[in-house]
Amino acid sequence: MYLSITGVKDNKLTKYQPFESEADANAHATKYGGFAIEDIGGNQEFWIVDKEKKTITQDTATENSETAKRNAMAEIQKLESQETPRRLSEALPDDAGGSSDGRAWLKANRDKIIDERNKL
């Protein structure tokens, strides 16, 4: 797969067209003032495009960092969604219908949330 890169702003890809053949990608790039390159794969959000050098590189450090943040946020949302009214009522004092097991579960869940927030 080849790409005709025709839009770049602040070293970020803004416009491209994929092609099966290098010749078609080159023809399109020439027509629209861009450049053609073999697709490097990966998440285009993290590509660094150098229009003068006609290169694309993958910013793997940023990609890995952002992926870790997204994973942590997803885990936080999952953990928070488990704190249902039933679970919260189980964490009340014994005389209000709660139990030590319910309070222990809530504390453990909140500790997991803290661990995930520390990854952000």
Protein backbone atom coordinates (compact mmCIF):
# COMPACT_ATOMS: atom_id res chain seq x y z
CA MET A 1 0.00 0.00 0.00
CA TYR A 2 1.23 3.47 -0.93
CA LEU A 3 0.04 6.84 0.22
CA SER A 4 -0.17 10.12 -1.63
CA ILE A 5 0.41 12.72 1.06
CA THR A 6 -1.19 16.00 0.00
CA GLY A 7 -1.92 17.72 3.31
CA VAL A 8 0.48 18.39 6.17
CA LYS A 9 0.15 20.94 8.97
CA ASP A 10 2.60 21.27 11.85
CA ASN A 11 4.23 17.97 10.79
CA LYS A 12 0.89 16.18 11.15
CA LEU A 13 -0.94 14.37 8.38
CA THR A 14 -4.10 16.22 7.35
CA LYS A 15 -4.88 14.77 3.92
CA TYR A 16 -3.85 11.62 2.08
CA GLN A 17 -5.10 9.07 -0.43
CA PRO A 18 -4.16 5.37 -0.33
CA PHE A 19 -3.17 3.54 -3.52
CA GLU A 20 -2.30 -0.04 -4.34
CA SER A 21 0.50 0.95 -6.72
CA GLU A 22 3.41 3.28 -6.20
CA ALA A 23 2.91 4.72 -9.70
CA ASP A 24 -0.68 5.76 -8.93
CA ALA A 25 0.38 7.30 -5.62
CA ASN A 26 3.15 9.25 -7.36
CA ALA A 27 0.81 10.48 -10.09
CA HIS A 28 -1.72 11.69 -7.53
CA ALA A 29 0.97 13.33 -5.39
CA THR A 30 2.42 15.13 -8.40
CA LYS A 31 -1.01 16.37 -9.48
CA TYR A 32 -1.85 17.75 -6.01
CA GLY A 33 1.56 18.99 -4.88
CA GLY A 34 2.34 16.29 -2.38
CA PHE A 35 4.59 13.27 -2.18
CA ALA A 36 4.14 9.52 -2.28
CA ILE A 37 5.46 7.04 0.24
CA GLU A 38 4.97 3.44 1.24
CA ASP A 39 2.49 3.14 4.09
CA ILE A 40 4.42 2.63 7.35
CA GLY A 41 1.35 1.31 9.17
CA GLY A 42 0.52 2.04 12.76
CA ASN A 43 -1.72 4.74 14.14
CA GLN A 44 -1.61 7.81 11.89
CA GLU A 45 -2.39 10.01 14.86
CA PHE A 46 1.24 9.53 15.90
CA TRP A 47 2.91 10.00 12.54
CA ILE A 48 5.44 12.79 12.15
CA VAL A 49 5.47 14.00 8.54
CA ASP A 50 8.44 15.85 7.07
CA LYS A 51 7.22 17.25 3.76
CA GLU A 52 10.65 18.54 2.69
CA LYS A 53 12.38 15.20 3.32
CA LYS A 54 9.30 13.30 2.14
CA THR A 55 9.34 11.02 5.16
CA ILE A 56 6.96 9.75 7.80
CA THR A 57 8.10 8.41 11.15
CA GLN A 58 6.10 6.91 13.99
CA ASP A 59 6.30 8.73 17.34
CA THR A 60 6.19 5.51 19.35
CA ALA A 61 7.06 7.18 22.66
CA THR A 62 4.00 9.44 22.46
CA GLU A 63 1.86 6.61 21.12
CA ASN A 64 2.83 4.33 24.01
CA SER A 65 2.23 7.09 26.56
CA GLU A 66 -1.18 7.98 25.12
CA THR A 67 -2.18 4.32 24.87
CA ALA A 68 -1.28 3.81 28.54
CA LYS A 69 -3.37 6.87 29.49
CA ARG A 70 -6.34 5.64 27.46
CA ASN A 71 -6.08 2.20 29.03
CA ALA A 72 -5.93 3.72 32.52
CA MET A 73 -8.98 5.90 31.83
CA ALA A 74 -10.91 2.88 30.53
CA GLU A 75 -10.01 0.91 33.66
CA ILE A 76 -11.06 3.83 35.90
CA GLN A 77 -14.42 4.01 34.14
CA LYS A 78 -14.87 0.25 34.53
CA LEU A 79 -14.02 0.36 38.24
CA GLU A 80 -16.23 3.38 38.90
CA SER A 81 -19.16 1.75 37.10
CA GLN A 82 -18.95 -1.15 39.56
CA GLU A 83 -19.80 1.20 42.42
CA THR A 84 -23.51 0.65 42.10
CA PRO A 85 -26.07 1.78 44.69
CA ARG A 86 -26.15 -1.79 46.04
CA ARG A 87 -22.35 -1.88 46.44
CA LEU A 88 -22.36 1.54 48.10
CA SER A 89 -25.13 0.52 50.53
CA GLU A 90 -23.08 -2.57 51.45
CA ALA A 91 -20.30 -0.17 52.50
CA LEU A 92 -22.49 1.65 55.03
CA PRO A 93 -22.08 1.07 58.77
CA ASP A 94 -23.45 -2.24 60.07
CA ASP A 95 -26.41 -0.57 61.76
CA ALA A 96 -27.40 0.99 58.42
CA GLY A 97 -27.38 -2.33 56.54
CA GLY A 98 -23.76 -2.41 55.51
CA SER A 99 -21.04 -4.91 56.32
CA SER A 100 -17.29 -5.09 56.83
CA ASP A 101 -17.05 -7.09 53.58
CA GLY A 102 -18.88 -4.30 51.73
CA ARG A 103 -16.57 -1.66 53.18
CA ALA A 104 -13.52 -3.76 52.35
CA TRP A 105 -14.69 -4.19 48.75
CA LEU A 106 -15.28 -0.45 48.35
CA LYS A 107 -11.88 0.40 49.83
CA ALA A 108 -10.14 -2.11 47.56
CA ASN A 109 -11.98 -0.74 44.53
CA ARG A 110 -11.09 2.85 45.43
CA ASP A 111 -7.45 1.80 45.89
CA LYS A 112 -7.50 0.31 42.38
CA ILE A 113 -8.89 3.60 41.04
CA ILE A 114 -6.10 5.52 42.78
CA ASP A 115 -3.52 3.18 41.23
CA GLU A 116 -4.97 3.83 37.77
CA ARG A 117 -5.11 7.60 38.31
CA ASN A 118 -1.43 7.53 39.21
CA LYS A 119 -0.75 6.21 35.70
CA LEU A 120 -2.16 9.39 34.17
